[in-house]
Every structure is written in C-alpha cells, then in structure tokens.
C-alpha atoms as a PDB file:
ATOM      1  CA  MET A   1     -30.187 -36.713 -55.290  1.00  0.00           C
ATOM      2  CA  SER A   2     -27.869 -33.762 -55.172  1.00  0.00           C
ATOM      3  CA  PRO A   3     -29.512 -30.385 -55.915  1.00  0.00           C
ATOM      4  CA  LEU A   4     -26.734 -29.855 -58.462  1.00  0.00           C
ATOM      5  CA  VAL A   5     -27.832 -32.893 -60.534  1.00  0.00           C
ATOM      6  CA  PRO A   6     -31.084 -33.036 -62.628  1.00  0.00           C
ATOM      7  CA  GLU A   7     -33.755 -35.526 -61.611  1.00  0.00           C
ATOM      8  CA  PRO A   8     -34.035 -38.604 -63.866  1.00  0.00           C
ATOM      9  CA  GLY A   9     -35.879 -37.854 -67.080  1.00  0.00           C
ATOM     10  CA  GLU A  10     -35.258 -34.134 -66.984  1.00  0.00           C
ATOM     11  CA  THR A  11     -34.135 -32.616 -70.253  1.00  0.00           C
ATOM     12  CA  GLU A  12     -33.032 -29.350 -68.742  1.00  0.00           C
ATOM     13  CA  GLY A  13     -32.923 -27.679 -65.384  1.00  0.00           C
ATOM     14  CA  ARG A  14     -31.101 -25.121 -63.298  1.00  0.00           C
ATOM     15  CA  GLY A  15     -28.931 -25.982 -60.328  1.00  0.00           C
ATOM     16  CA  ARG A  16     -28.148 -23.957 -57.234  1.00  0.00           C
ATOM     17  CA  LEU A  17     -25.213 -22.233 -58.951  1.00  0.00           C
ATOM     18  CA  GLY A  18     -27.313 -21.292 -61.984  1.00  0.00           C
ATOM     19  CA  SER A  19     -25.711 -23.755 -64.446  1.00  0.00           C
ATOM     20  CA  GLN A  20     -28.137 -24.982 -67.161  1.00  0.00           C
ATOM     21  CA  TRP A  21     -28.009 -28.609 -68.346  1.00  0.00           C
ATOM     22  CA  ARG A  22     -29.831 -30.123 -71.382  1.00  0.00           C
ATOM     23  CA  THR A  23     -29.287 -33.830 -70.591  1.00  0.00           C
ATOM     24  CA  PRO A  24     -29.710 -35.905 -67.454  1.00  0.00           C
ATOM     25  CA  SER A  25     -25.921 -36.486 -67.384  1.00  0.00           C
ATOM     26  CA  ARG A  26     -24.038 -36.318 -64.044  1.00  0.00           C
ATOM     27  CA  TRP A  27     -20.924 -34.685 -65.563  1.00  0.00           C
ATOM     28  CA  PRO A  28     -21.519 -31.244 -63.985  1.00  0.00           C
ATOM     29  CA  TYR A  29     -21.445 -32.864 -60.543  1.00  0.00           C
ATOM     30  CA  THR A  30     -18.130 -34.526 -61.397  1.00  0.00           C
ATOM     31  CA  CYS A  31     -16.620 -31.232 -62.620  1.00  0.00           C
ATOM     32  CA  TYR A  32     -17.826 -29.492 -59.472  1.00  0.00           C
ATOM     33  CA  ASN A  33     -16.056 -32.083 -57.293  1.00  0.00           C
ATOM     34  CA  LEU A  34     -12.892 -31.700 -59.355  1.00  0.00           C
ATOM     35  CA  GLU A  35     -12.893 -27.936 -58.815  1.00  0.00           C
ATOM     36  CA  VAL A  36     -13.328 -28.434 -55.069  1.00  0.00           C
ATOM     37  CA  LEU A  37     -10.419 -30.880 -55.014  1.00  0.00           C
ATOM     38  CA  ILE A  38      -8.196 -28.424 -56.869  1.00  0.00           C
ATOM     39  CA  VAL A  39      -9.013 -25.657 -54.383  1.00  0.00           C
ATOM     40  CA  LEU A  40      -8.408 -27.952 -51.418  1.00  0.00           C
ATOM     41  CA  ALA A  41      -5.107 -29.111 -52.878  1.00  0.00           C
ATOM     42  CA  SER A  42      -3.963 -25.504 -53.275  1.00  0.00           C
ATOM     43  CA  LEU A  43      -4.541 -25.037 -49.547  1.00  0.00           C
ATOM     44  CA  ILE A  44      -3.293 -28.383 -48.277  1.00  0.00           C
ATOM     45  CA  VAL A  45       0.009 -28.673 -50.161  1.00  0.00           C
ATOM     46  CA  PRO A  46       1.543 -25.367 -48.958  1.00  0.00           C
ATOM     47  CA  ALA A  47       0.306 -26.016 -45.423  1.00  0.00           C
ATOM     48  CA  ARG A  48       1.798 -29.498 -45.467  1.00  0.00           C
ATOM     49  CA  LYS A  49       5.128 -28.220 -46.764  1.00  0.00           C
ATOM     50  CA  GLN A  50       5.164 -25.481 -44.124  1.00  0.00           C
ATOM     51  CA  LEU A  51       4.538 -27.931 -41.298  1.00  0.00           C
ATOM     52  CA  MET A  52       7.074 -30.411 -42.670  1.00  0.00           C
ATOM     53  CA  SER A  53       9.706 -27.637 -42.827  1.00  0.00           C
ATOM     54  CA  LEU A  54       9.196 -27.176 -39.080  1.00  0.00           C
ATOM     55  CA  GLY A  55       9.725 -30.861 -38.426  1.00  0.00           C
ATOM     56  CA  GLN A  56       6.035 -31.413 -37.565  1.00  0.00           C
ATOM     57  CA  PRO A  57       3.795 -34.277 -38.743  1.00  0.00           C
ATOM     58  CA  SER A  58       2.426 -33.679 -42.223  1.00  0.00           C
ATOM     59  CA  THR A  59      -1.197 -33.439 -41.117  1.00  0.00           C
ATOM     60  CA  VAL A  60      -3.451 -30.454 -41.646  1.00  0.00           C
ATOM     61  CA  ASP A  61      -6.446 -31.358 -39.538  1.00  0.00           C
ATOM     62  CA  VAL A  62      -5.507 -28.651 -36.987  1.00  0.00           C
ATOM     63  CA  ALA A  63      -4.350 -25.060 -37.367  1.00  0.00           C
ATOM     64  CA  PRO A  64      -0.704 -24.235 -36.516  1.00  0.00           C
ATOM     65  CA  THR A  65      -0.204 -23.539 -32.834  1.00  0.00           C
ATOM     66  CA  ALA A  66       0.922 -20.167 -31.529  1.00  0.00           C
ATOM     67  CA  THR A  67       4.421 -21.620 -31.091  1.00  0.00           C
ATOM     68  CA  GLN A  68       4.481 -22.822 -34.684  1.00  0.00           C
ATOM     69  CA  ARG A  69       3.256 -19.471 -35.978  1.00  0.00           C
ATOM     70  CA  GLU A  70       5.958 -17.716 -33.990  1.00  0.00           C
ATOM     71  CA  ARG A  71       8.578 -20.090 -35.382  1.00  0.00           C
ATOM     72  CA  ILE A  72       7.376 -19.454 -38.927  1.00  0.00           C
ATOM     73  CA  ALA A  73       7.602 -15.690 -38.340  1.00  0.00           C
ATOM     74  CA  ARG A  74      11.135 -15.990 -36.953  1.00  0.00           C
ATOM     75  CA  ALA A  75      12.216 -18.126 -39.898  1.00  0.00           C
ATOM     76  CA  SER A  76      10.801 -15.550 -42.316  1.00  0.00           C
ATOM     77  CA  ALA A  77      12.628 -12.698 -40.530  1.00  0.00           C
ATOM     78  CA  LEU A  78      15.848 -14.726 -40.563  1.00  0.00           C
ATOM     79  CA  ARG A  79      15.577 -15.235 -44.334  1.00  0.00           C
ATOM     80  CA  GLU A  80      15.071 -11.505 -44.875  1.00  0.00           C
ATOM     81  CA  LEU A  81      18.168 -10.615 -42.843  1.00  0.00           C
ATOM     82  CA  ALA A  82      20.226 -13.259 -44.631  1.00  0.00           C
ATOM     83  CA  ASP A  83      19.075 -11.900 -47.994  1.00  0.00           C
ATOM     84  CA  ASP A  84      20.076  -8.384 -46.932  1.00  0.00           C
ATOM     85  CA  LEU A  85      23.595  -9.588 -46.098  1.00  0.00           C
ATOM     86  CA  ARG A  86      23.717 -11.586 -49.338  1.00  0.00           C
ATOM     87  CA  ASP A  87      22.873  -8.457 -51.347  1.00  0.00           C
ATOM     88  CA  THR A  88      25.510  -6.547 -49.383  1.00  0.00           C
ATOM     89  CA  GLY A  89      28.125  -9.184 -50.143  1.00  0.00           C
ATOM     90  CA  ALA A  90      27.341  -9.135 -53.861  1.00  0.00           C
ATOM     91  CA  MET A  91      27.649  -5.344 -53.946  1.00  0.00           C
ATOM     92  CA  PHE A  92      30.920  -5.290 -51.992  1.00  0.00           C
ATOM     93  CA  HIS A  93      32.356  -8.034 -54.189  1.00  0.00           C
ATOM     94  CA  ASP A  94      31.466  -6.061 -57.316  1.00  0.00           C
ATOM     95  CA  ARG A  95      33.214  -3.003 -55.870  1.00  0.00           C
ATOM     96  CA  GLY A  96      36.368  -4.994 -55.073  1.00  0.00           C
ATOM     97  CA  TRP A  97      35.968  -4.634 -51.306  1.00  0.00           C
ATOM     98  CA  SER A  98      35.239  -8.300 -50.456  1.00  0.00           C
ATOM     99  CA  LEU A  99      37.136 -10.502 -52.883  1.00  0.00           C
ATOM    100  CA  GLY A 100      37.761 -14.214 -52.582  1.00  0.00           C
ATOM    101  CA  THR A 101      36.470 -15.445 -49.246  1.00  0.00           C
ATOM    102  CA  SER A 102      37.603 -12.320 -47.368  1.00  0.00           C
ATOM    103  CA  SER A 103      35.377 -10.175 -45.151  1.00  0.00           C
ATOM    104  CA  ASN A 104      32.586 -11.058 -42.755  1.00  0.00           C
ATOM    105  CA  TYR A 105      29.198  -9.523 -41.975  1.00  0.00           C
ATOM    106  CA  SER A 106      26.786  -9.830 -39.072  1.00  0.00           C
ATOM    107  CA  VAL A 107      23.409  -8.592 -37.877  1.00  0.00           C
ATOM    108  CA  VAL A 108      21.968  -8.655 -34.366  1.00  0.00           C
ATOM    109  CA  LEU A 109      19.131 -11.194 -33.964  1.00  0.00           C
ATOM    110  CA  ASP A 110      18.483 -10.822 -30.248  1.00  0.00           C
ATOM    111  CA  ARG A 111      19.904  -8.983 -27.240  1.00  0.00           C
ATOM    112  CA  ASP A 112      18.692 -11.032 -24.296  1.00  0.00           C
ATOM    113  CA  PRO A 113      20.663 -13.157 -24.706  1.00  0.00           C
ATOM    114  CA  LEU A 114      22.855 -11.621 -27.410  1.00  0.00           C
ATOM    115  CA  GLU A 115      22.780 -13.574 -30.683  1.00  0.00           C
ATOM    116  CA  LEU A 116      24.109 -12.660 -34.118  1.00  0.00           C
ATOM    117  CA  LEU A 117      23.574 -13.944 -37.634  1.00  0.00           C
ATOM    118  CA  LEU A 118      27.096 -14.143 -39.077  1.00  0.00           C
ATOM    119  CA  THR A 119      28.545 -15.128 -42.427  1.00  0.00           C
ATOM    120  CA  ALA A 120      30.170 -18.538 -42.052  1.00  0.00           C
ATOM    121  CA  SER A 121      33.928 -18.822 -42.466  1.00  0.00           C
ATOM    122  CA  GLY A 122      35.356 -19.413 -45.923  1.00  0.00           C
ATOM    123  CA  LYS A 123      32.325 -18.328 -47.972  1.00  0.00           C
ATOM    124  CA  ASP A 124      32.526 -16.379 -51.233  1.00  0.00           C
ATOM    125  CA  LYS A 125      30.838 -13.091 -50.339  1.00  0.00           C
ATOM    126  CA  GLY A 126      29.892 -12.436 -53.940  1.00  0.00           C
ATOM    127  CA  ARG A 127      27.810 -15.625 -54.113  1.00  0.00           C
ATOM    128  CA  LEU A 128      26.344 -16.080 -50.676  1.00  0.00           C
ATOM    129  CA  ASP A 129      23.505 -18.561 -50.299  1.00  0.00           C
ATOM    130  CA  ARG A 130      20.869 -18.531 -47.542  1.00  0.00           C
ATOM    131  CA  THR A 131      22.685 -21.452 -45.947  1.00  0.00           C
ATOM    132  CA  ASP A 132      26.094 -19.693 -45.842  1.00  0.00           C
ATOM    133  CA  PHE A 133      25.537 -18.324 -42.342  1.00  0.00           C
ATOM    134  CA  VAL A 134      25.732 -19.325 -38.710  1.00  0.00           C
ATOM    135  CA  ARG A 135      24.082 -18.115 -35.508  1.00  0.00           C
ATOM    136  CA  VAL A 136      26.465 -17.233 -32.658  1.00  0.00           C
ATOM    137  CA  ASP A 137      26.086 -16.243 -29.015  1.00  0.00           C
ATOM    138  CA  ALA A 138      27.873 -13.665 -26.853  1.00  0.00           C
ATOM    139  CA  ALA A 139      30.862 -15.988 -26.519  1.00  0.00           C
ATOM    140  CA  GLY A 140      31.172 -16.310 -30.295  1.00  0.00           C
ATOM    141  CA  ALA A 141      30.082 -19.948 -30.232  1.00  0.00           C
ATOM    142  CA  ARG A 142      27.630 -21.443 -32.673  1.00  0.00           C
ATOM    143  CA  VAL A 143      24.069 -21.980 -31.464  1.00  0.00           C
ATOM    144  CA  ASP A 144      21.157 -23.506 -33.363  1.00  0.00           C
ATOM    145  CA  HIS A 145      17.424 -22.800 -33.244  1.00  0.00           C
ATOM    146  CA  PRO A 146      14.631 -24.923 -34.752  1.00  0.00           C
ATOM    147  CA  GLU A 147      14.089 -22.395 -37.555  1.00  0.00           C
ATOM    148  CA  ASP A 148      17.773 -22.453 -38.579  1.00  0.00           C
ATOM    149  CA  ARG A 149      18.746 -24.508 -41.615  1.00  0.00           C
ATOM    150  CA  PHE A 150      22.516 -24.038 -41.612  1.00  0.00           C
ATOM    151  CA  PRO A 151      24.803 -26.977 -42.487  1.00  0.00           C
ATOM    152  CA  GLU A 152      26.662 -28.584 -39.602  1.00  0.00           C
ATOM    153  CA  ALA A 153      29.950 -27.820 -41.361  1.00  0.00           C
ATOM    154  CA  ASN A 154      29.401 -24.049 -41.105  1.00  0.00           C
ATOM    155  CA  ARG A 155      31.668 -22.475 -38.528  1.00  0.00           C
ATOM    156  CA  PRO A 156      31.984 -18.916 -37.202  1.00  0.00           C
ATOM    157  CA  SER A 157      34.632 -16.585 -38.576  1.00  0.00           C
ATOM    158  CA  ALA A 158      37.930 -16.355 -36.683  1.00  0.00           C
ATOM    159  CA  GLU A 159      37.047 -12.690 -36.065  1.00  0.00           C
ATOM    160  CA  THR A 160      33.641 -13.369 -34.529  1.00  0.00           C
ATOM    161  CA  LEU A 161      34.604 -11.828 -31.170  1.00  0.00           C
ATOM    162  CA  LEU A 162      35.145  -8.448 -32.857  1.00  0.00           C
ATOM    163  CA  HIS A 163      31.564  -8.578 -34.096  1.00  0.00           C
ATOM    164  CA  VAL A 164      30.396  -9.503 -30.596  1.00  0.00           C
ATOM    165  CA  ALA A 165      32.356  -6.636 -28.987  1.00  0.00           C
ATOM    166  CA  LEU A 166      30.706  -4.160 -31.354  1.00  0.00           C
ATOM    167  CA  ALA A 167      27.226  -5.695 -31.191  1.00  0.00           C
ATOM    168  CA  GLU A 168      27.277  -5.334 -27.400  1.00  0.00           C
ATOM    169  CA  ARG A 169      27.067  -1.566 -27.841  1.00  0.00           C
ATOM    170  CA  PRO A 170      23.609   0.028 -27.602  1.00  0.00           C
ATOM    171  CA  GLY A 171      22.323   1.046 -31.003  1.00  0.00           C
ATOM    172  CA  VAL A 172      24.542  -1.317 -33.007  1.00  0.00           C
ATOM    173  CA  GLY A 173      22.407  -3.584 -35.160  1.00  0.00           C
ATOM    174  CA  ALA A 174      24.886  -4.682 -37.842  1.00  0.00           C
ATOM    175  CA  VAL A 175      28.660  -4.988 -38.309  1.00  0.00           C
ATOM    176  CA  LEU A 176      30.430  -5.123 -41.681  1.00  0.00           C
ATOM    177  CA  HIS A 177      34.081  -5.841 -42.489  1.00  0.00           C
ATOM    178  CA  THR A 178      35.821  -5.320 -45.848  1.00  0.00           C
ATOM    179  CA  HIS A 179      39.279  -5.925 -47.358  1.00  0.00           C
ATOM    180  CA  SER A 180      39.764  -3.168 -49.919  1.00  0.00           C
ATOM    181  CA  VAL A 181      43.030  -2.222 -51.601  1.00  0.00           C
ATOM    182  CA  TRP A 182      42.983   1.360 -50.274  1.00  0.00           C
ATOM    183  CA  GLY A 183      42.087   0.343 -46.738  1.00  0.00           C
ATOM    184  CA  THR A 184      44.911  -2.208 -46.740  1.00  0.00           C
ATOM    185  CA  LEU A 185      47.538   0.209 -48.092  1.00  0.00           C
ATOM    186  CA  LEU A 186      46.583   3.174 -45.915  1.00  0.00           C
ATOM    187  CA  SER A 187      46.431   1.066 -42.746  1.00  0.00           C
ATOM    188  CA  GLU A 188      50.079   0.139 -43.307  1.00  0.00           C
ATOM    189  CA  ARG A 189      51.171   3.628 -44.353  1.00  0.00           C
ATOM    190  CA  HIS A 190      49.707   5.319 -41.259  1.00  0.00           C
ATOM    191  CA  PHE A 191      50.103   2.546 -38.688  1.00  0.00           C
ATOM    192  CA  ALA A 192      53.079   4.165 -36.912  1.00  0.00           C
ATOM    193  CA  LYS A 193      50.990   7.143 -35.772  1.00  0.00           C
ATOM    194  CA  GLY A 194      48.045   4.931 -34.862  1.00  0.00           C
ATOM    195  CA  PHE A 195      45.343   6.480 -37.005  1.00  0.00           C
ATOM    196  CA  LEU A 196      44.376   7.675 -40.474  1.00  0.00           C
ATOM    197  CA  GLU A 197      43.250  11.314 -40.500  1.00  0.00           C
ATOM    198  CA  ILE A 198      40.565  12.427 -42.950  1.00  0.00           C
ATOM    199  CA  ALA A 199      39.488  16.063 -43.042  1.00  0.00           C
ATOM    200  CA  GLY A 200      37.460  18.510 -45.116  1.00  0.00           C
ATOM    201  CA  PHE A 201      35.671  16.067 -47.411  1.00  0.00           C
ATOM    202  CA  GLU A 202      31.967  16.555 -48.092  1.00  0.00           C
ATOM    203  CA  MET A 203      31.398  12.796 -47.937  1.00  0.00           C
ATOM    204  CA  LEU A 204      32.237  12.810 -44.226  1.00  0.00           C
ATOM    205  CA  LYS A 205      28.619  13.860 -43.739  1.00  0.00           C
ATOM    206  CA  GLY A 206      27.591  10.365 -44.741  1.00  0.00           C
ATOM    207  CA  LEU A 207      28.769   9.103 -41.339  1.00  0.00           C
ATOM    208  CA  ALA A 208      25.998   9.113 -38.723  1.00  0.00           C
ATOM    209  CA  GLY A 209      25.964  12.301 -36.644  1.00  0.00           C
ATOM    210  CA  ILE A 210      28.384  14.330 -38.784  1.00  0.00           C
ATOM    211  CA  THR A 211      26.683  17.396 -40.257  1.00  0.00           C
ATOM    212  CA  THR A 212      29.492  19.419 -41.823  1.00  0.00           C
ATOM    213  CA  HIS A 213      32.455  18.867 -44.112  1.00  0.00           C
ATOM    214  CA  GLU A 214      34.501  20.948 -41.654  1.00  0.00           C
ATOM    215  CA  THR A 215      35.247  17.793 -39.727  1.00  0.00           C
ATOM    216  CA  THR A 216      38.451  15.949 -38.943  1.00  0.00           C
ATOM    217  CA  LYS A 217      38.008  12.221 -38.569  1.00  0.00           C
ATOM    218  CA  GLN A 218      40.727  10.045 -37.079  1.00  0.00           C
ATOM    219  CA  VAL A 219      40.239   6.381 -37.949  1.00  0.00           C
ATOM    220  CA  PRO A 220      42.134   4.195 -35.412  1.00  0.00           C
ATOM    221  CA  ILE A 221      44.472   1.501 -36.742  1.00  0.00           C
ATOM    222  CA  PHE A 222      44.972  -1.693 -34.732  1.00  0.00           C
ATOM    223  CA  ASP A 223      47.840  -4.062 -35.399  1.00  0.00           C
ATOM    224  CA  ASN A 224      46.926  -7.287 -37.149  1.00  0.00           C
ATOM    225  CA  THR A 225      46.992 -10.367 -34.943  1.00  0.00           C
ATOM    226  CA  GLN A 226      45.676 -13.902 -34.734  1.00  0.00           C
ATOM    227  CA  ASP A 227      44.864 -13.329 -31.052  1.00  0.00           C
ATOM    228  CA  ILE A 228      41.341 -12.063 -31.651  1.00  0.00           C
ATOM    229  CA  ALA A 229      40.309 -12.310 -27.994  1.00  0.00           C
ATOM    230  CA  THR A 230      43.045  -9.841 -27.025  1.00  0.00           C
ATOM    231  CA  LEU A 231      42.183  -7.564 -29.941  1.00  0.00           C
ATOM    232  CA  ALA A 232      38.516  -7.636 -28.899  1.00  0.00           C
ATOM    233  CA  GLY A 233      39.590  -6.526 -25.422  1.00  0.00           C
ATOM    234  CA  GLU A 234      41.582  -3.625 -26.869  1.00  0.00           C
ATOM    235  CA  LEU A 235      38.619  -2.689 -29.005  1.00  0.00           C
ATOM    236  CA  ARG A 236      36.291  -2.593 -25.988  1.00  0.00           C
ATOM    237  CA  GLY A 237      38.763  -0.323 -24.239  1.00  0.00           C
ATOM    238  CA  ARG A 238      38.702   2.152 -27.101  1.00  0.00           C
ATOM    239  CA  LEU A 239      34.919   2.016 -27.351  1.00  0.00           C
ATOM    240  CA  ASP A 240      34.656   2.800 -23.629  1.00  0.00           C
ATOM    241  CA  ASP A 241      37.195   5.642 -23.707  1.00  0.00           C
ATOM    242  CA  SER A 242      35.221   8.541 -22.211  1.00  0.00           C
ATOM    243  CA  ALA A 243      37.667  11.143 -23.525  1.00  0.00           C
ATOM    244  CA  ALA A 244      37.691   9.977 -27.140  1.00  0.00           C
ATOM    245  CA  PRO A 245      35.387   6.995 -27.728  1.00  0.00           C
ATOM    246  CA  LEU A 246      35.877   5.105 -30.962  1.00  0.00           C
ATOM    247  CA  GLU A 247      33.084   5.905 -33.420  1.00  0.00           C
ATOM    248  CA  HIS A 248      31.987   4.755 -36.878  1.00  0.00           C
ATOM    249  CA  GLY A 249      34.884   2.469 -37.748  1.00  0.00           C
ATOM    250  CA  PHE A 250      38.493   1.337 -37.464  1.00  0.00           C
ATOM    251  CA  LEU A 251      41.238  -0.239 -39.565  1.00  0.00           C
ATOM    252  CA  ILE A 252      43.389  -3.302 -38.931  1.00  0.00           C
ATOM    253  CA  ARG A 253      46.925  -3.043 -40.284  1.00  0.00           C
ATOM    254  CA  LYS A 254      47.375  -4.626 -43.735  1.00  0.00           C
ATOM    255  CA  HIS A 255      43.947  -6.125 -43.281  1.00  0.00           C
ATOM    256  CA  GLY A 256      40.849  -4.009 -43.698  1.00  0.00           C
ATOM    257  CA  LEU A 257      37.987  -1.911 -42.348  1.00  0.00           C
ATOM    258  CA  TYR A 258      35.365  -2.562 -39.681  1.00  0.00           C
ATOM    259  CA  THR A 259      32.302  -0.386 -39.388  1.00  0.00           C
ATOM    260  CA  TRP A 260      28.808  -0.682 -37.961  1.00  0.00           C
ATOM    261  CA  GLY A 261      25.378   0.924 -37.831  1.00  0.00           C
ATOM    262  CA  LYS A 262      21.912   0.725 -36.336  1.00  0.00           C
ATOM    263  CA  ASP A 263      20.990  -1.694 -39.135  1.00  0.00           C
ATOM    264  CA  VAL A 264      22.494  -3.230 -42.254  1.00  0.00           C
ATOM    265  CA  ALA A 265      21.565  -0.196 -44.377  1.00  0.00           C
ATOM    266  CA  GLU A 266      23.428   2.259 -42.145  1.00  0.00           C
ATOM    267  CA  ALA A 267      26.451  -0.006 -41.771  1.00  0.00           C
ATOM    268  CA  ARG A 268      26.548  -0.466 -45.556  1.00  0.00           C
ATOM    269  CA  ARG A 269      26.431   3.307 -46.039  1.00  0.00           C
ATOM    270  CA  HIS A 270      29.349   3.707 -43.646  1.00  0.00           C
ATOM    271  CA  ILE A 271      31.372   1.201 -45.653  1.00  0.00           C
ATOM    272  CA  GLU A 272      30.658   3.131 -48.844  1.00  0.00           C
ATOM    273  CA  ILE A 273      31.610   6.457 -47.239  1.00  0.00           C
ATOM    274  CA  PHE A 274      34.837   5.169 -45.722  1.00  0.00           C
ATOM    275  CA  GLU A 275      35.920   3.361 -48.880  1.00  0.00           C
ATOM    276  CA  PHE A 276      35.275   6.496 -50.956  1.00  0.00           C
ATOM    277  CA  LEU A 277      37.298   8.603 -48.507  1.00  0.00           C
ATOM    278  CA  PHE A 278      40.124   6.040 -48.370  1.00  0.00           C
ATOM    279  CA  GLU A 279      40.434   6.167 -52.135  1.00  0.00           C
ATOM    280  CA  CYS A 280      40.465   9.968 -52.120  1.00  0.00           C
ATOM    281  CA  VAL A 281      43.191  10.092 -49.480  1.00  0.00           C
ATOM    282  CA  GLY A 282      45.135   7.306 -51.124  1.00  0.00           C
ATOM    283  CA  ARG A 283      45.110   8.893 -54.575  1.00  0.00           C
ATOM    284  CA  LEU A 284      46.276  12.190 -53.126  1.00  0.00           C
ATOM    285  CA  GLU A 285      49.053  10.614 -51.072  1.00  0.00           C
ATOM    286  CA  PHE A 286      50.372   8.094 -53.570  1.00  0.00           C
ATOM    287  CA  SER A 287      50.337  10.517 -56.487  1.00  0.00           C
ATOM    288  CA  THR A 288      52.971  12.790 -54.907  1.00  0.00           C
END
C-alpha cells in the first residue's frame, strides 16, 4: 500500500506530504499522479518540440548532446540577429528610406569562413519575417546550415558582393543600404565631381571617430551599374586607398546609400546621421 493512501478501515490519517483524509478513498493518490503527469508533460512537450525542430527523433530519454546544444544556441543567436534587422527594416520603412522592396541589410555571422545573414531579394523591408533572409558565403552564394529555416525560393540580393566587400574589412559587423529621396537626388546632383561634401554640421559627430563639428566629410559617389562584381572591385580599391581610405559610407548615383558599423546598432546610427545630413544639405541646395 502506498504511504500516501490510508490503510483499509482508517477514517483519517496523514500522508507523507501532510494531507489529511477522512475516508479510506484513494482519490488523493489519483490527484497526486495527475499532478505528476502535468509536471512531466510541461517538461516533455517543449523538449520534444526542440528536438523535432532540429530534425532529431522525438524521444526524450537522453539529454541533448553537446552538438545539439551548440546548434540550439546558434539557432537562437540567428533569430536575434534576424529580429534586429527586422526592427531596422521597419524603422527605415517608416522613415521613407526603404520603401517597396528596395534596400538590403546584412550582418556578419562568421569570419572563418566568412558568412553573412542577408535580407533575401524582393522582400518588403517594412514587414520582414524571420524567414525573409538567406545565408551567404564570401563568394555571395547561398549556403545552408542545419539551424537555418529559410525557404528554398529565397535568393541573395543582386548587390550581395558589395556587402561581402565591406564585411571583409576588420571591424565591420553589419552593412545597411537605403534608398532615400535625398540620397537619390544628391547623388545625381554631385556625381560629376565624384563626391558629396558635408561640412560644419554638429551631427557629423554621430559618425564613428569624428569628435568635432569642424569636420569636412566627402561622401564618394559611384556610378550605378548592373555589373556588381566590377563595382565591388572598385569599392575594394577605395577602401584600400592608403592616402584617403573610404570611411563610413558611400552613395551610388540615382540609387542610394551604403554604410556599415561594428554591429547593427552602429550601422543603423550611421544611416540616421547620413540621412539627416543629406536632408539638411538638400534643403539648403534646392531652396536657392
């Protein structure tokens, strides 16, 4: 007889857990088993779902292996980075900097070998889902890991190689690209001289490493082209220019802005700073 059940003929007793019964009924034992089942279910169901999401058998008689735990951790980190880019896209869309399916964003996942998480081509940046991404390698080609859950139809942006060229640089953890009205207009207006000059604005101090408003910033302007491999080569040349290395960002004629940072937060700040400065310069120039 279980110690939690009164002996036959007892009218009252006290079990191990201190519950007092006044009849020889077995109902407390049944309730105790039910509570145990509920607790076990709360542990088994999430564990089963977790293992099933990794493509493993839905058994829970053994603890996850070190490999499985590592895969779970990588999947969690991937979701966090995707959510950061989703929030960025929603903000940029609200500001009018990434309308329609324009723009693309990336974050560095690994450096040896180089891999990026990139927004898939043709996605509405204001309504990005966790599946609206793709993983790419140093050649800009799609690669898939077990923790990825991206649809087969997702393909890298046509401008992926620009993201790769920037992500190759030490200290670059994220690359963001926008298509704002002011960036588009100013890139055309100043294309002939090859750069947009911005000077004397307090907001210049929002760019990493700039500590005074007494700064003159020349933002290079590249011609728009469908030959992204060639453009990526030109970009690398400017980044490696020892006399005047390209820093913070650049414009593509009648197209938009590219900028980067050590992480998504810094790259996002650079977008905000540049777009503010573009509007200031544009309002001054187009009002005269």
